[in-house]
């Protein structure tokens, strides 16, 4: 396993792998790796000849400077974990390698980024779209692996990949959860033990709504109300939003038909903000 810090070195390896017709699997991360990330790595290892994982805490997707500063960073520990999964390369550039002095080009995916996380975190998806564009151009992956937990991010990256003509297939892996059901996230480490336990109310609320859907409820506002009521009953939780949207367009849905539909939500526990979702009408 080689740890690469320079973009030019990553370019060179990407060109070599393409000449050798190797299938390249890519898992972009911000480090602080957990089983959710490692599930993506395992899937990439099974499907691809070469696996590349990036570790880069991307400053342009943080709209809160203090959030950026406290984001956990431990490249040594992350690299030790990835070595166990036979990762071929770790791309861990310094900030100036990605955003050199004078950097002034950003990528906006319009429409998909206006609501939900985009509304709560202005500028977040501009940062995500920009870093993914840079990474895809650098690594040139055949397949890139993402988690379902970040459903809006997945929709944005799918649109970005199509619109900008990347030859990369987006592979989405179901959300990996802690024993309580809480979606795995690096942010979970910032919760107190009590908050972490109580935060399972998020998936409990979503599952309650999904059960109502399976029993025949098709009115989106009724399903949203189930989630609101369940999370609202937890004193440690502060709800940000609940929405019922189309999986790809993220357009709000009033009456659920046969299309794949997301119930998405975000809630605060203290000053830690957590997101989660469930997918209705999942297609094979």
Protein backbone atom coordinates (compact mmCIF):
# COMPACT_ATOMS: atom_id res chain seq x y z
CA UNK A 1 0.00 0.00 0.00
CA UNK A 2 1.35 3.41 -0.98
CA UNK A 3 0.31 6.70 0.61
CA UNK A 4 0.35 9.45 -2.01
CA UNK A 5 0.48 13.12 -1.04
CA UNK A 6 1.07 14.79 -4.40
CA UNK A 7 -1.51 15.14 -7.13
CA UNK A 8 1.10 14.70 -9.89
CA UNK A 9 2.05 11.31 -8.46
CA UNK A 10 -1.63 10.30 -8.38
CA UNK A 11 -2.02 11.44 -12.00
CA UNK A 12 0.92 9.25 -13.00
CA UNK A 13 -0.46 6.17 -11.26
CA UNK A 14 -3.92 6.73 -12.74
CA UNK A 15 -2.43 6.88 -16.25
CA UNK A 16 -0.44 3.69 -15.62
CA UNK A 17 -3.50 1.81 -14.34
CA UNK A 18 -5.52 2.82 -17.41
CA UNK A 19 -2.74 1.64 -19.73
CA UNK A 20 -2.79 -1.70 -17.92
CA UNK A 21 -6.61 -1.87 -18.30
CA UNK A 22 -7.04 -2.31 -14.55
CA UNK A 23 -10.50 -1.70 -13.08
CA UNK A 24 -10.08 1.08 -10.51
CA UNK A 25 -12.41 1.36 -7.53
CA UNK A 26 -12.41 4.62 -5.60
CA UNK A 27 -13.69 5.45 -2.12
CA UNK A 28 -13.50 9.19 -1.31
CA UNK A 29 -13.44 9.92 2.43
CA UNK A 30 -12.52 12.64 4.89
CA UNK A 31 -10.83 10.11 7.17
CA UNK A 32 -11.92 9.24 10.72
CA UNK A 33 -12.80 5.90 9.18
CA UNK A 34 -15.49 3.64 10.62
CA UNK A 35 -17.29 0.48 9.52
CA UNK A 36 -19.42 2.46 7.09
CA UNK A 37 -16.33 3.49 5.14
CA UNK A 38 -14.82 0.03 5.44
CA UNK A 39 -17.96 -1.53 3.97
CA UNK A 40 -17.42 0.64 0.90
CA UNK A 41 -13.78 -0.46 0.77
CA UNK A 42 -14.75 -4.15 1.04
CA UNK A 43 -17.21 -3.75 -1.81
CA UNK A 44 -14.59 -1.99 -3.93
CA UNK A 45 -12.08 -4.74 -3.17
CA UNK A 46 -14.52 -7.40 -4.36
CA UNK A 47 -15.44 -5.58 -7.58
CA UNK A 48 -12.17 -4.00 -8.71
CA UNK A 49 -8.56 -4.83 -9.55
CA UNK A 50 -7.19 -1.77 -7.77
CA UNK A 51 -8.66 0.12 -4.81
CA UNK A 52 -7.82 3.75 -4.08
CA UNK A 53 -9.09 5.57 -0.98
CA UNK A 54 -8.76 9.31 -0.61
CA UNK A 55 -8.45 10.95 2.79
CA UNK A 56 -8.92 14.69 2.63
CA UNK A 57 -10.86 16.93 5.02
CA UNK A 58 -12.33 19.25 2.42
CA UNK A 59 -12.54 22.81 3.75
CA UNK A 60 -14.86 24.09 1.02
CA UNK A 61 -17.78 21.92 2.14
CA UNK A 62 -17.83 23.26 5.71
CA UNK A 63 -19.97 26.33 6.26
CA UNK A 64 -18.99 26.39 9.94
CA UNK A 65 -15.27 26.99 10.59
CA UNK A 66 -15.45 25.48 14.08
CA UNK A 67 -16.98 22.32 12.60
CA UNK A 68 -14.00 22.07 10.25
CA UNK A 69 -11.48 22.64 13.02
CA UNK A 70 -12.86 19.92 15.27
CA UNK A 71 -13.30 17.32 12.53
CA UNK A 72 -11.26 14.27 13.66
CA UNK A 73 -7.98 13.62 11.81
CA UNK A 74 -5.70 10.59 12.30
CA UNK A 75 -4.06 9.48 9.07
CA UNK A 76 -1.87 6.91 10.83
CA UNK A 77 -4.85 5.11 12.35
CA UNK A 78 -6.82 5.33 9.09
CA UNK A 79 -3.90 3.93 7.08
CA UNK A 80 -3.50 1.03 9.51
CA UNK A 81 -7.17 0.15 9.05
CA UNK A 82 -6.99 0.34 5.26
CA UNK A 83 -3.88 -1.86 5.14
CA UNK A 84 -5.98 -4.67 6.60
CA UNK A 85 -8.35 -4.39 3.63
CA UNK A 86 -5.58 -4.60 1.02
CA UNK A 87 -6.11 -1.08 -0.27
CA UNK A 88 -3.58 -0.37 -2.99
CA UNK A 89 -3.25 3.41 -2.67
CA UNK A 90 -4.25 6.11 -0.20
CA UNK A 91 -4.46 9.57 -1.73
CA UNK A 92 -3.98 11.95 1.21
CA UNK A 93 -3.03 15.35 -0.23
CA UNK A 94 -2.30 18.51 1.69
CA UNK A 95 -4.78 21.34 1.20
CA UNK A 96 -2.44 23.30 -1.12
CA UNK A 97 -2.28 20.30 -3.49
CA UNK A 98 -6.04 20.49 -4.02
CA UNK A 99 -6.58 24.23 -3.64
CA UNK A 100 -3.36 25.97 -4.70
CA UNK A 101 -2.93 29.71 -4.25
CA UNK A 102 -5.25 31.57 -6.59
CA UNK A 103 -7.76 28.70 -6.85
CA UNK A 104 -11.01 30.19 -8.13
CA UNK A 105 -12.98 27.50 -9.96
CA UNK A 106 -15.97 25.88 -8.27
CA UNK A 107 -18.64 23.44 -9.43
CA UNK A 108 -22.33 24.08 -8.79
CA UNK A 109 -25.02 21.46 -9.36
CA UNK A 110 -28.12 23.59 -9.63
CA UNK A 111 -31.55 22.61 -8.35
CA UNK A 112 -30.58 19.48 -6.42
CA UNK A 113 -28.54 21.52 -3.95
CA UNK A 114 -31.11 24.17 -3.03
CA UNK A 115 -33.16 22.26 -0.45
CA UNK A 116 -32.65 19.95 2.54
CA UNK A 117 -28.92 19.89 3.38
CA UNK A 118 -28.32 22.65 0.86
CA UNK A 119 -30.73 24.92 2.72
CA UNK A 120 -29.35 24.04 6.15
CA UNK A 121 -25.70 24.18 5.07
CA UNK A 122 -25.26 26.93 2.43
CA UNK A 123 -22.33 26.28 0.12
CA UNK A 124 -21.88 22.70 1.32
CA UNK A 125 -22.68 21.03 -1.99
CA UNK A 126 -20.60 23.49 -3.98
CA UNK A 127 -17.67 22.21 -1.94
CA UNK A 128 -18.70 18.58 -2.39
CA UNK A 129 -19.18 18.93 -6.16
CA UNK A 130 -15.84 20.74 -6.52
CA UNK A 131 -13.79 18.20 -4.57
CA UNK A 132 -15.45 15.23 -6.29
CA UNK A 133 -14.72 16.79 -9.68
CA UNK A 134 -11.06 17.29 -8.73
CA UNK A 135 -10.77 13.75 -7.31
CA UNK A 136 -12.47 12.09 -10.29
CA UNK A 137 -10.18 14.00 -12.65
CA UNK A 138 -7.15 12.96 -10.61
CA UNK A 139 -7.94 9.30 -9.87
CA UNK A 140 -9.95 8.50 -13.04
CA UNK A 141 -11.91 5.69 -11.34
CA UNK A 142 -14.08 3.17 -13.15
CA UNK A 143 -16.31 2.79 -10.09
CA UNK A 144 -16.78 5.12 -7.13
CA UNK A 145 -18.45 3.98 -3.92
CA UNK A 146 -20.75 6.04 -1.69
CA UNK A 147 -23.09 5.35 1.23
CA UNK A 148 -26.88 5.67 1.11
CA UNK A 149 -26.82 7.69 4.37
CA UNK A 150 -25.80 10.76 2.37
CA UNK A 151 -28.71 10.41 -0.04
CA UNK A 152 -28.71 14.01 -1.27
CA UNK A 153 -24.96 13.88 -1.82
CA UNK A 154 -25.47 10.71 -3.88
CA UNK A 155 -28.09 12.45 -6.04
CA UNK A 156 -25.78 15.43 -6.55
CA UNK A 157 -22.81 13.25 -7.50
CA UNK A 158 -24.89 11.16 -9.89
CA UNK A 159 -26.05 14.33 -11.63
CA UNK A 160 -22.52 15.76 -11.66
CA UNK A 161 -21.12 12.56 -13.15
CA UNK A 162 -23.75 12.52 -15.91
CA UNK A 163 -23.60 16.22 -16.71
CA UNK A 164 -19.80 16.49 -16.85
CA UNK A 165 -19.36 13.21 -18.70
CA UNK A 166 -17.24 11.28 -16.22
CA UNK A 167 -16.62 7.65 -17.15
CA UNK A 168 -17.30 6.61 -13.58
CA UNK A 169 -20.09 4.35 -12.38
CA UNK A 170 -21.56 5.41 -9.03
CA UNK A 171 -22.11 2.48 -6.67
CA UNK A 172 -24.36 3.16 -3.67
CA UNK A 173 -24.10 0.89 -0.63
CA UNK A 174 -26.88 0.63 2.01
CA UNK A 175 -26.35 2.61 5.21
CA UNK A 176 -24.21 0.85 7.80
CA UNK A 177 -25.56 1.18 11.33
CA UNK A 178 -24.47 0.84 14.92
CA UNK A 179 -26.13 -1.82 17.05
CA UNK A 180 -28.75 0.73 18.14
CA UNK A 181 -29.63 1.46 14.52
CA UNK A 182 -27.92 4.87 14.49
CA UNK A 183 -26.32 5.50 11.09
CA UNK A 184 -22.55 5.31 11.34
CA UNK A 185 -20.89 8.69 11.00
CA UNK A 186 -17.62 10.28 12.07
CA UNK A 187 -19.79 12.87 13.85
CA UNK A 188 -21.09 10.21 16.23
CA UNK A 189 -17.77 10.45 18.09
CA UNK A 190 -18.72 14.01 19.08
CA UNK A 191 -21.85 12.83 20.91
CA UNK A 192 -21.95 12.16 24.64
CA UNK A 193 -22.74 8.52 25.55
CA UNK A 194 -26.33 9.52 26.42
CA UNK A 195 -26.78 11.49 23.20
CA UNK A 196 -25.40 8.60 21.16
CA UNK A 197 -27.87 6.23 22.76
CA UNK A 198 -30.83 8.57 22.33
CA UNK A 199 -29.90 9.43 18.73
CA UNK A 200 -31.26 6.04 17.66
CA UNK A 201 -34.64 7.79 17.81
CA UNK A 202 -33.90 9.06 14.28
CA UNK A 203 -33.96 5.63 12.63
CA UNK A 204 -36.78 4.51 14.91
CA UNK A 205 -38.88 7.40 13.61
CA UNK A 206 -38.01 6.66 9.98
CA UNK A 207 -38.77 2.96 10.40
CA UNK A 208 -42.10 3.78 12.01
CA UNK A 209 -43.00 5.84 8.94
CA UNK A 210 -41.82 3.06 6.64
CA UNK A 211 -44.06 0.58 8.45
CA UNK A 212 -47.00 2.94 7.98
CA UNK A 213 -46.13 3.11 4.26
CA UNK A 214 -46.06 -0.69 4.02
CA UNK A 215 -49.49 -0.78 5.67
CA UNK A 216 -50.85 1.47 2.92
CA UNK A 217 -50.22 5.08 3.95
CA UNK A 218 -49.35 7.05 0.81
CA UNK A 219 -49.86 10.62 2.01
CA UNK A 220 -46.42 12.19 2.37
CA UNK A 221 -47.46 14.73 4.99
CA UNK A 222 -48.85 11.94 7.18
CA UNK A 223 -45.59 10.01 6.96
CA UNK A 224 -43.59 13.16 7.70
CA UNK A 225 -45.76 13.82 10.74
CA UNK A 226 -44.96 10.36 12.10
CA UNK A 227 -41.24 11.16 11.93
CA UNK A 228 -41.70 14.61 13.45
CA UNK A 229 -43.76 13.31 16.34
CA UNK A 230 -41.40 10.47 17.14
CA UNK A 231 -38.24 12.60 17.11
CA UNK A 232 -40.05 15.46 18.81
CA UNK A 233 -40.84 13.19 21.76
CA UNK A 234 -37.12 12.81 22.54
CA UNK A 235 -36.01 15.70 24.83
CA UNK A 236 -32.38 15.55 23.68
CA UNK A 237 -33.31 15.88 20.00
CA UNK A 238 -33.96 19.08 18.07
CA UNK A 239 -35.47 18.45 14.66
CA UNK A 240 -34.07 20.33 11.66
CA UNK A 241 -36.26 18.97 8.86
CA UNK A 242 -38.24 16.02 7.55
CA UNK A 243 -39.05 15.70 3.85
CA UNK A 244 -40.50 13.15 1.45
CA UNK A 245 -38.76 13.48 -1.92
CA UNK A 246 -38.06 11.71 -5.20
CA UNK A 247 -34.82 9.73 -4.97
CA UNK A 248 -33.17 11.32 -8.02
CA UNK A 249 -34.72 14.77 -8.47
CA UNK A 250 -35.22 15.42 -4.73
CA UNK A 251 -38.50 17.12 -5.66
CA UNK A 252 -41.08 17.03 -2.84
CA UNK A 253 -43.77 14.38 -3.20
CA UNK A 254 -47.31 14.77 -1.88
CA UNK A 255 -48.72 11.37 -2.78
CA UNK A 256 -46.35 8.42 -3.07
CA UNK A 257 -46.78 6.25 -6.16
CA UNK A 258 -44.43 3.59 -7.52
CA UNK A 259 -41.32 5.76 -7.81
CA UNK A 260 -38.35 5.33 -5.49
CA UNK A 261 -38.97 7.81 -2.70
CA UNK A 262 -36.82 9.01 0.18
CA UNK A 263 -37.88 10.00 3.65
CA UNK A 264 -35.00 12.23 4.74
CA UNK A 265 -34.43 13.91 8.06
CA UNK A 266 -31.84 15.83 10.06
CA UNK A 267 -31.76 16.45 13.80
CA UNK A 268 -29.44 18.01 16.35
CA UNK A 269 -28.21 16.41 19.55
CA UNK A 270 -26.54 19.26 21.36
CA UNK A 271 -24.61 20.99 18.58
CA UNK A 272 -24.01 17.77 16.62
CA UNK A 273 -26.18 17.50 13.54
CA UNK A 274 -27.09 14.02 12.25
CA UNK A 275 -28.80 12.97 9.03
CA UNK A 276 -30.51 9.77 7.96
CA UNK A 277 -33.05 8.45 5.49
CA UNK A 278 -35.03 5.41 4.37
CA UNK A 279 -35.88 4.47 0.81
CA UNK A 280 -39.43 3.47 -0.17
CA UNK A 281 -40.24 1.42 -3.29
CA UNK A 282 -36.64 0.28 -3.59
CA UNK A 283 -35.98 -1.15 -7.06
CA UNK A 284 -33.60 -4.05 -7.59
